[in-house]
Protein backbone atom coordinates (compact mmCIF):
# COMPACT_ATOMS: atom_id res chain seq x y z
CA MET A 1 41.17 185.02 2.28
CA ARG A 2 38.93 182.84 0.12
CA SER A 3 36.32 184.44 -2.06
CA SER A 4 32.90 184.19 -0.48
CA ASN A 5 31.48 183.88 -3.99
CA LEU A 6 33.49 180.67 -4.50
CA ILE A 7 32.21 179.29 -1.19
CA VAL A 8 28.63 180.05 -2.25
CA GLN A 9 29.23 178.30 -5.58
CA ILE A 10 30.67 175.22 -3.87
CA ARG A 11 27.73 175.18 -1.45
CA GLY A 12 25.37 175.27 -4.40
CA GLN A 13 27.26 172.47 -6.15
CA LEU A 14 27.11 170.29 -3.04
CA LEU A 15 23.37 170.87 -2.74
CA ALA A 16 22.94 170.14 -6.47
CA HIS A 17 24.82 166.84 -6.03
CA LEU A 18 22.42 166.01 -3.21
CA ALA A 19 19.40 166.92 -5.32
CA ASN A 20 20.52 164.81 -8.30
CA GLY A 21 21.35 161.82 -6.13
CA SER A 22 25.12 161.73 -6.56
CA LEU A 23 25.30 162.47 -2.81
CA GLU A 24 22.82 160.53 -0.71
CA ALA A 25 20.47 162.38 1.66
CA GLY A 26 21.22 161.23 5.19
CA GLY A 27 24.46 159.66 3.96
CA ARG A 28 28.03 160.43 4.80
CA LEU A 29 29.81 163.08 2.77
CA PRO A 30 32.92 162.04 0.85
CA ALA A 31 36.26 163.18 2.27
CA GLU A 32 37.17 166.82 1.70
CA ARG A 33 39.99 165.70 -0.61
CA GLU A 34 37.55 163.75 -2.79
CA LEU A 35 35.02 166.58 -2.86
CA ALA A 36 37.74 169.07 -3.78
CA ALA A 37 38.89 166.86 -6.65
CA ARG A 38 35.32 166.28 -7.82
CA LEU A 39 34.53 170.00 -7.79
CA GLY A 40 37.94 171.20 -9.00
CA VAL A 41 38.56 173.44 -5.98
CA SER A 42 40.85 173.47 -2.94
CA ARG A 43 40.23 171.53 0.25
CA PRO A 44 40.07 174.72 2.38
CA SER A 45 37.32 176.05 0.09
CA VAL A 46 35.36 172.81 0.46
CA ARG A 47 35.85 173.00 4.23
CA GLU A 48 34.43 176.54 4.30
CA ALA A 49 31.43 175.51 2.20
CA ILE A 50 30.75 172.59 4.55
CA LYS A 51 30.96 174.97 7.51
CA THR A 52 28.37 177.16 5.78
CA LEU A 53 26.06 174.19 5.29
CA GLU A 54 26.62 173.12 8.87
CA ALA A 55 25.64 176.60 10.08
CA GLU A 56 22.49 176.33 7.98
CA ALA A 57 21.77 172.95 9.63
CA ALA A 58 22.00 171.20 6.25
CA SER A 59 24.87 169.03 7.44
CA ARG A 60 26.34 167.79 10.69
CA CYS A 61 30.07 167.30 11.15
CA ALA A 62 31.89 165.40 13.85
CA MET A 63 35.54 164.83 14.65
CA ALA A 64 37.82 164.37 11.64
CA ARG A 65 35.29 166.23 9.48
CA VAL A 66 33.04 163.20 9.09
CA CYS A 67 29.94 164.89 7.78
CA SER A 68 26.48 163.73 6.89
CA TRP A 69 23.49 165.48 5.37
CA LEU A 70 20.63 166.23 7.74
CA VAL A 71 18.03 167.44 5.29
CA PRO A 72 17.65 167.47 1.51
CA PRO A 73 17.76 170.88 -0.20
CA GLN A 74 14.53 172.81 -0.50
């Protein structure tokens, strides 16, 4: 079981990347592998963080985990 604290931290890092412009609002998210390498975490942890954002309606994911941001962080 992955630490929920780690998932929250990854979620925050993804939103921070969106806020500072390194991830584009309305743009496609990088592949989970790339995000995991960028953040220094595992792919399953990135996947869980993306699921959290998706549940919060901050991102939308389709088949093959192609995700895009719906709204910028508040």
